[in-house]
C-alpha atoms as a PDB file:
ATOM      1  CA  UNK A   1      55.538   8.075 -33.518  1.00  0.00           C
ATOM      2  CA  UNK A   2      54.369   9.874 -30.378  1.00  0.00           C
ATOM      3  CA  UNK A   3      55.881   8.298 -27.224  1.00  0.00           C
ATOM      4  CA  UNK A   4      52.500   7.484 -25.684  1.00  0.00           C
ATOM      5  CA  UNK A   5      51.572   5.434 -28.754  1.00  0.00           C
ATOM      6  CA  UNK A   6      54.523   3.096 -28.297  1.00  0.00           C
ATOM      7  CA  UNK A   7      53.953   2.213 -24.638  1.00  0.00           C
ATOM      8  CA  UNK A   8      52.617  -1.222 -23.872  1.00  0.00           C
ATOM      9  CA  UNK A   9      49.172  -1.004 -22.224  1.00  0.00           C
ATOM     10  CA  UNK A  10      49.374   2.786 -22.465  1.00  0.00           C
ATOM     11  CA  UNK A  11      47.128   5.051 -20.466  1.00  0.00           C
ATOM     12  CA  UNK A  12      46.260   8.324 -22.136  1.00  0.00           C
ATOM     13  CA  UNK A  13      45.528  11.273 -19.900  1.00  0.00           C
ATOM     14  CA  UNK A  14      44.298  14.422 -21.608  1.00  0.00           C
ATOM     15  CA  UNK A  15      44.043  17.288 -19.197  1.00  0.00           C
ATOM     16  CA  UNK A  16      44.344  21.036 -19.028  1.00  0.00           C
ATOM     17  CA  UNK A  17      43.919  22.778 -15.698  1.00  0.00           C
ATOM     18  CA  UNK A  18      45.028  26.067 -17.256  1.00  0.00           C
ATOM     19  CA  UNK A  19      41.990  26.144 -19.537  1.00  0.00           C
ATOM     20  CA  UNK A  20      44.158  26.941 -22.573  1.00  0.00           C
ATOM     21  CA  UNK A  21      43.323  23.679 -24.288  1.00  0.00           C
ATOM     22  CA  UNK A  22      39.596  23.556 -24.902  1.00  0.00           C
ATOM     23  CA  UNK A  23      37.057  21.560 -26.813  1.00  0.00           C
ATOM     24  CA  UNK A  24      34.294  23.640 -28.322  1.00  0.00           C
ATOM     25  CA  UNK A  25      31.291  21.596 -29.315  1.00  0.00           C
ATOM     26  CA  UNK A  26      30.781  18.202 -30.906  1.00  0.00           C
ATOM     27  CA  UNK A  27      33.405  18.433 -33.702  1.00  0.00           C
ATOM     28  CA  UNK A  28      36.307  19.132 -31.335  1.00  0.00           C
ATOM     29  CA  UNK A  29      35.145  16.535 -28.798  1.00  0.00           C
ATOM     30  CA  UNK A  30      34.897  13.964 -31.598  1.00  0.00           C
ATOM     31  CA  UNK A  31      38.399  14.897 -32.784  1.00  0.00           C
ATOM     32  CA  UNK A  32      39.662  14.382 -29.233  1.00  0.00           C
ATOM     33  CA  UNK A  33      38.176  10.878 -29.066  1.00  0.00           C
ATOM     34  CA  UNK A  34      39.386  10.029 -32.571  1.00  0.00           C
ATOM     35  CA  UNK A  35      42.930  10.947 -31.536  1.00  0.00           C
ATOM     36  CA  UNK A  36      42.649   9.032 -28.270  1.00  0.00           C
ATOM     37  CA  UNK A  37      41.384   5.870 -29.986  1.00  0.00           C
ATOM     38  CA  UNK A  38      44.493   5.789 -32.164  1.00  0.00           C
ATOM     39  CA  UNK A  39      46.187   4.354 -29.062  1.00  0.00           C
ATOM     40  CA  UNK A  40      43.426   1.764 -28.600  1.00  0.00           C
ATOM     41  CA  UNK A  41      39.892   1.643 -27.253  1.00  0.00           C
ATOM     42  CA  UNK A  42      38.921   4.319 -24.772  1.00  0.00           C
ATOM     43  CA  UNK A  43      37.819   2.365 -21.717  1.00  0.00           C
ATOM     44  CA  UNK A  44      37.242   5.115 -19.159  1.00  0.00           C
ATOM     45  CA  UNK A  45      36.703   8.853 -19.116  1.00  0.00           C
ATOM     46  CA  UNK A  46      36.449  11.142 -16.114  1.00  0.00           C
ATOM     47  CA  UNK A  47      34.798  14.336 -17.331  1.00  0.00           C
ATOM     48  CA  UNK A  48      35.986  17.108 -15.016  1.00  0.00           C
ATOM     49  CA  UNK A  49      35.745  20.063 -17.380  1.00  0.00           C
ATOM     50  CA  UNK A  50      33.585  22.893 -16.151  1.00  0.00           C
ATOM     51  CA  UNK A  51      33.514  26.406 -14.777  1.00  0.00           C
ATOM     52  CA  UNK A  52      32.410  27.819 -11.454  1.00  0.00           C
ATOM     53  CA  UNK A  53      30.278  30.862 -10.603  1.00  0.00           C
ATOM     54  CA  UNK A  54      33.286  33.174 -10.342  1.00  0.00           C
ATOM     55  CA  UNK A  55      34.483  32.230 -13.825  1.00  0.00           C
ATOM     56  CA  UNK A  56      31.765  33.446 -16.155  1.00  0.00           C
ATOM     57  CA  UNK A  57      28.257  34.568 -16.959  1.00  0.00           C
ATOM     58  CA  UNK A  58      25.177  32.447 -16.379  1.00  0.00           C
ATOM     59  CA  UNK A  59      25.021  31.648 -20.113  1.00  0.00           C
ATOM     60  CA  UNK A  60      28.666  30.552 -20.346  1.00  0.00           C
ATOM     61  CA  UNK A  61      28.351  28.405 -17.214  1.00  0.00           C
ATOM     62  CA  UNK A  62      25.296  26.586 -18.595  1.00  0.00           C
ATOM     63  CA  UNK A  63      26.930  26.214 -22.031  1.00  0.00           C
ATOM     64  CA  UNK A  64      30.179  24.782 -20.676  1.00  0.00           C
ATOM     65  CA  UNK A  65      28.879  22.706 -17.759  1.00  0.00           C
ATOM     66  CA  UNK A  66      25.615  21.374 -19.208  1.00  0.00           C
ATOM     67  CA  UNK A  67      26.039  21.363 -22.987  1.00  0.00           C
ATOM     68  CA  UNK A  68      29.705  20.392 -22.637  1.00  0.00           C
ATOM     69  CA  UNK A  69      28.555  17.331 -20.698  1.00  0.00           C
ATOM     70  CA  UNK A  70      26.072  16.467 -23.461  1.00  0.00           C
ATOM     71  CA  UNK A  71      28.742  16.762 -26.166  1.00  0.00           C
ATOM     72  CA  UNK A  72      31.269  14.653 -24.297  1.00  0.00           C
ATOM     73  CA  UNK A  73      28.720  12.039 -23.167  1.00  0.00           C
ATOM     74  CA  UNK A  74      27.185  11.520 -26.596  1.00  0.00           C
ATOM     75  CA  UNK A  75      30.580  11.340 -28.295  1.00  0.00           C
ATOM     76  CA  UNK A  76      31.919   8.860 -25.750  1.00  0.00           C
ATOM     77  CA  UNK A  77      28.758   6.784 -26.143  1.00  0.00           C
ATOM     78  CA  UNK A  78      29.471   6.483 -29.889  1.00  0.00           C
ATOM     79  CA  UNK A  79      32.997   5.201 -29.113  1.00  0.00           C
ATOM     80  CA  UNK A  80      32.116   3.146 -26.015  1.00  0.00           C
ATOM     81  CA  UNK A  81      32.343  -0.604 -26.011  1.00  0.00           C
ATOM     82  CA  UNK A  82      31.722  -3.397 -23.544  1.00  0.00           C
ATOM     83  CA  UNK A  83      33.062  -2.447 -20.093  1.00  0.00           C
ATOM     84  CA  UNK A  84      33.628   1.249 -20.882  1.00  0.00           C
ATOM     85  CA  UNK A  85      32.814   3.769 -18.155  1.00  0.00           C
ATOM     86  CA  UNK A  86      32.127   7.507 -18.049  1.00  0.00           C
ATOM     87  CA  UNK A  87      32.216   9.516 -14.830  1.00  0.00           C
ATOM     88  CA  UNK A  88      30.678  12.986 -15.095  1.00  0.00           C
ATOM     89  CA  UNK A  89      31.710  15.281 -12.262  1.00  0.00           C
ATOM     90  CA  UNK A  90      28.745  17.205 -10.893  1.00  0.00           C
ATOM     91  CA  UNK A  91      28.759  19.019  -7.544  1.00  0.00           C
ATOM     92  CA  UNK A  92      27.044  19.008  -4.201  1.00  0.00           C
ATOM     93  CA  UNK A  93      25.574  22.324  -5.396  1.00  0.00           C
ATOM     94  CA  UNK A  94      23.471  20.308  -7.857  1.00  0.00           C
ATOM     95  CA  UNK A  95      21.808  18.479  -4.970  1.00  0.00           C
ATOM     96  CA  UNK A  96      21.016  21.608  -2.972  1.00  0.00           C
ATOM     97  CA  UNK A  97      18.704  23.104  -5.579  1.00  0.00           C
ATOM     98  CA  UNK A  98      14.993  22.784  -4.656  1.00  0.00           C
ATOM     99  CA  UNK A  99      13.520  19.947  -6.756  1.00  0.00           C
ATOM    100  CA  UNK A 100      10.366  21.952  -7.413  1.00  0.00           C
ATOM    101  CA  UNK A 101      12.411  24.622  -9.237  1.00  0.00           C
ATOM    102  CA  UNK A 102      14.441  22.241 -11.429  1.00  0.00           C
ATOM    103  CA  UNK A 103      13.415  22.770 -15.081  1.00  0.00           C
ATOM    104  CA  UNK A 104      13.467  19.094 -16.144  1.00  0.00           C
ATOM    105  CA  UNK A 105      11.085  19.766 -19.014  1.00  0.00           C
ATOM    106  CA  UNK A 106      13.701  22.115 -20.481  1.00  0.00           C
ATOM    107  CA  UNK A 107      16.447  19.592 -19.761  1.00  0.00           C
ATOM    108  CA  UNK A 108      14.825  17.113 -22.134  1.00  0.00           C
ATOM    109  CA  UNK A 109      15.681  19.506 -24.988  1.00  0.00           C
ATOM    110  CA  UNK A 110      19.431  19.046 -24.485  1.00  0.00           C
ATOM    111  CA  UNK A 111      19.668  16.328 -27.152  1.00  0.00           C
ATOM    112  CA  UNK A 112      17.010  17.513 -29.587  1.00  0.00           C
ATOM    113  CA  UNK A 113      17.314  21.317 -29.459  1.00  0.00           C
ATOM    114  CA  UNK A 114      20.514  22.447 -27.680  1.00  0.00           C
ATOM    115  CA  UNK A 115      20.024  26.146 -28.489  1.00  0.00           C
ATOM    116  CA  UNK A 116      16.547  26.226 -26.923  1.00  0.00           C
ATOM    117  CA  UNK A 117      17.803  24.185 -23.963  1.00  0.00           C
ATOM    118  CA  UNK A 118      20.633  26.690 -23.406  1.00  0.00           C
ATOM    119  CA  UNK A 119      18.228  29.615 -23.655  1.00  0.00           C
ATOM    120  CA  UNK A 120      15.651  28.151 -21.288  1.00  0.00           C
ATOM    121  CA  UNK A 121      18.142  27.058 -18.641  1.00  0.00           C
ATOM    122  CA  UNK A 122      19.874  30.437 -18.788  1.00  0.00           C
ATOM    123  CA  UNK A 123      16.516  32.220 -18.656  1.00  0.00           C
ATOM    124  CA  UNK A 124      15.723  30.297 -15.457  1.00  0.00           C
ATOM    125  CA  UNK A 125      18.512  32.193 -13.723  1.00  0.00           C
ATOM    126  CA  UNK A 126      16.669  35.489 -14.262  1.00  0.00           C
ATOM    127  CA  UNK A 127      14.581  34.636 -11.231  1.00  0.00           C
ATOM    128  CA  UNK A 128      17.567  35.801  -9.159  1.00  0.00           C
ATOM    129  CA  UNK A 129      19.279  39.192  -8.892  1.00  0.00           C
ATOM    130  CA  UNK A 130      22.090  39.750 -11.431  1.00  0.00           C
ATOM    131  CA  UNK A 131      24.882  39.053  -8.921  1.00  0.00           C
ATOM    132  CA  UNK A 132      23.393  35.663  -8.013  1.00  0.00           C
ATOM    133  CA  UNK A 133      22.772  34.413 -11.549  1.00  0.00           C
ATOM    134  CA  UNK A 134      26.161  32.735 -12.108  1.00  0.00           C
ATOM    135  CA  UNK A 135      25.747  30.781  -8.849  1.00  0.00           C
ATOM    136  CA  UNK A 136      22.222  29.777  -9.817  1.00  0.00           C
ATOM    137  CA  UNK A 137      23.452  28.752 -13.284  1.00  0.00           C
ATOM    138  CA  UNK A 138      26.162  26.636 -11.658  1.00  0.00           C
ATOM    139  CA  UNK A 139      23.667  24.824  -9.420  1.00  0.00           C
ATOM    140  CA  UNK A 140      21.251  24.296 -12.327  1.00  0.00           C
ATOM    141  CA  UNK A 141      24.001  23.070 -14.647  1.00  0.00           C
ATOM    142  CA  UNK A 142      25.372  20.600 -12.091  1.00  0.00           C
ATOM    143  CA  UNK A 143      21.836  19.415 -11.291  1.00  0.00           C
ATOM    144  CA  UNK A 144      21.490  18.816 -15.028  1.00  0.00           C
ATOM    145  CA  UNK A 145      24.710  16.740 -15.062  1.00  0.00           C
ATOM    146  CA  UNK A 146      23.222  14.486 -12.371  1.00  0.00           C
ATOM    147  CA  UNK A 147      19.862  14.207 -14.160  1.00  0.00           C
ATOM    148  CA  UNK A 148      21.410  13.682 -17.593  1.00  0.00           C
ATOM    149  CA  UNK A 149      23.815  10.990 -16.396  1.00  0.00           C
ATOM    150  CA  UNK A 150      20.869   9.078 -14.940  1.00  0.00           C
ATOM    151  CA  UNK A 151      18.820   9.464 -18.141  1.00  0.00           C
ATOM    152  CA  UNK A 152      21.624   8.184 -20.379  1.00  0.00           C
ATOM    153  CA  UNK A 153      22.298   5.055 -18.292  1.00  0.00           C
ATOM    154  CA  UNK A 154      20.009   2.902 -20.457  1.00  0.00           C
ATOM    155  CA  UNK A 155      21.817   3.860 -23.666  1.00  0.00           C
ATOM    156  CA  UNK A 156      25.177   3.089 -22.062  1.00  0.00           C
ATOM    157  CA  UNK A 157      23.863  -0.177 -20.609  1.00  0.00           C
ATOM    158  CA  UNK A 158      22.714  -1.318 -24.061  1.00  0.00           C
ATOM    159  CA  UNK A 159      26.384  -1.219 -25.111  1.00  0.00           C
ATOM    160  CA  UNK A 160      27.613  -2.925 -21.959  1.00  0.00           C
ATOM    161  CA  UNK A 161      29.030   0.397 -20.739  1.00  0.00           C
ATOM    162  CA  UNK A 162      28.376   2.487 -17.635  1.00  0.00           C
ATOM    163  CA  UNK A 163      27.772   6.160 -16.876  1.00  0.00           C
ATOM    164  CA  UNK A 164      27.545   7.835 -13.512  1.00  0.00           C
ATOM    165  CA  UNK A 165      27.949  11.199 -11.893  1.00  0.00           C
ATOM    166  CA  UNK A 166      29.806  12.071  -8.724  1.00  0.00           C
ATOM    167  CA  UNK A 167      29.149  15.141  -6.613  1.00  0.00           C
ATOM    168  CA  UNK A 168      32.250  16.114  -4.693  1.00  0.00           C
ATOM    169  CA  UNK A 169      32.778  19.097  -2.481  1.00  0.00           C
ATOM    170  CA  UNK A 170      35.548  21.587  -3.128  1.00  0.00           C
ATOM    171  CA  UNK A 171      39.034  20.581  -4.218  1.00  0.00           C
ATOM    172  CA  UNK A 172      42.278  22.395  -3.548  1.00  0.00           C
ATOM    173  CA  UNK A 173      42.692  23.715  -7.084  1.00  0.00           C
ATOM    174  CA  UNK A 174      42.899  27.208  -8.524  1.00  0.00           C
ATOM    175  CA  UNK A 175      39.142  27.078  -9.228  1.00  0.00           C
ATOM    176  CA  UNK A 176      38.365  25.691  -5.761  1.00  0.00           C
ATOM    177  CA  UNK A 177      40.354  28.436  -4.063  1.00  0.00           C
ATOM    178  CA  UNK A 178      38.614  31.067  -6.185  1.00  0.00           C
ATOM    179  CA  UNK A 179      35.214  29.795  -5.071  1.00  0.00           C
ATOM    180  CA  UNK A 180      36.262  29.459  -1.434  1.00  0.00           C
ATOM    181  CA  UNK A 181      37.197  33.154  -1.390  1.00  0.00           C
ATOM    182  CA  UNK A 182      33.680  33.990  -2.628  1.00  0.00           C
ATOM    183  CA  UNK A 183      32.040  32.131   0.261  1.00  0.00           C
ATOM    184  CA  UNK A 184      31.262  28.893  -1.544  1.00  0.00           C
ATOM    185  CA  UNK A 185      33.488  27.042   0.902  1.00  0.00           C
ATOM    186  CA  UNK A 186      30.404  26.916   3.132  1.00  0.00           C
ATOM    187  CA  UNK A 187      29.086  24.139   0.869  1.00  0.00           C
ATOM    188  CA  UNK A 188      31.558  21.873   2.646  1.00  0.00           C
ATOM    189  CA  UNK A 189      29.242  22.039   5.648  1.00  0.00           C
ATOM    190  CA  UNK A 190      26.861  19.845   3.565  1.00  0.00           C
ATOM    191  CA  UNK A 191      29.505  17.361   2.414  1.00  0.00           C
ATOM    192  CA  UNK A 192      29.530  13.782   3.668  1.00  0.00           C
ATOM    193  CA  UNK A 193      33.211  13.983   4.532  1.00  0.00           C
ATOM    194  CA  UNK A 194      34.360  17.189   6.135  1.00  0.00           C
ATOM    195  CA  UNK A 195      37.845  17.841   7.536  1.00  0.00           C
END
C-alpha cells in the first residue's frame, strides 16, 4: 500500500514543477483523478499547470493553457461533490487584453469542438507579428481561463461545488524568472500588491 493511502485524513498533492510529469488530454486527466480518488473524495484542486510566452509557440500555449483548463475542469466536475472547489490560475495578463478583441464566440466552441476552438484562438494571434504571437496567445488563453471559469460556475453550483479563477502577478519560480528576463516583469506595475 502506498504510504499516502494509509495516512488518516490524507492530503494528496500532485505536482511537477519540472514539467516531466504531464497530463495530455482527457484520458490522462481522468486517470489522474481516478488515482487520486482511491484515497477518498477529491475536495479541492488548484490548477496551476500552464506555460508562458517564452516556453512555446502560440498553438502550444493555447492548447496547454486553454484546452488543458477545459480537460481538467470537466473531469473534476464529473468527480466533484458537495463542497468541492476548483481554483483555476489565470493571470493579470488575461485582464489586460482589450475586451473588444476577445474572441468569446470562438471560446464557446471549447466544449463542443475543441479542435476548431484551438484553431480559431491560435489564428487570432496572427494579428500580431511572429515574435509577439506567443505573448498574445498567453493573454488570450488566460483571458479564456477567466471567462470559462465564470461560465462553468452554474454547472459546479448544481452539484454544490465551486469554481473560480485567480489572476496573480509573477511568482519567483523558474517560469516566473524566465518571463521577467523577457520584460514581462513590467506586468507587476498593474498588480494590486506590488513590492
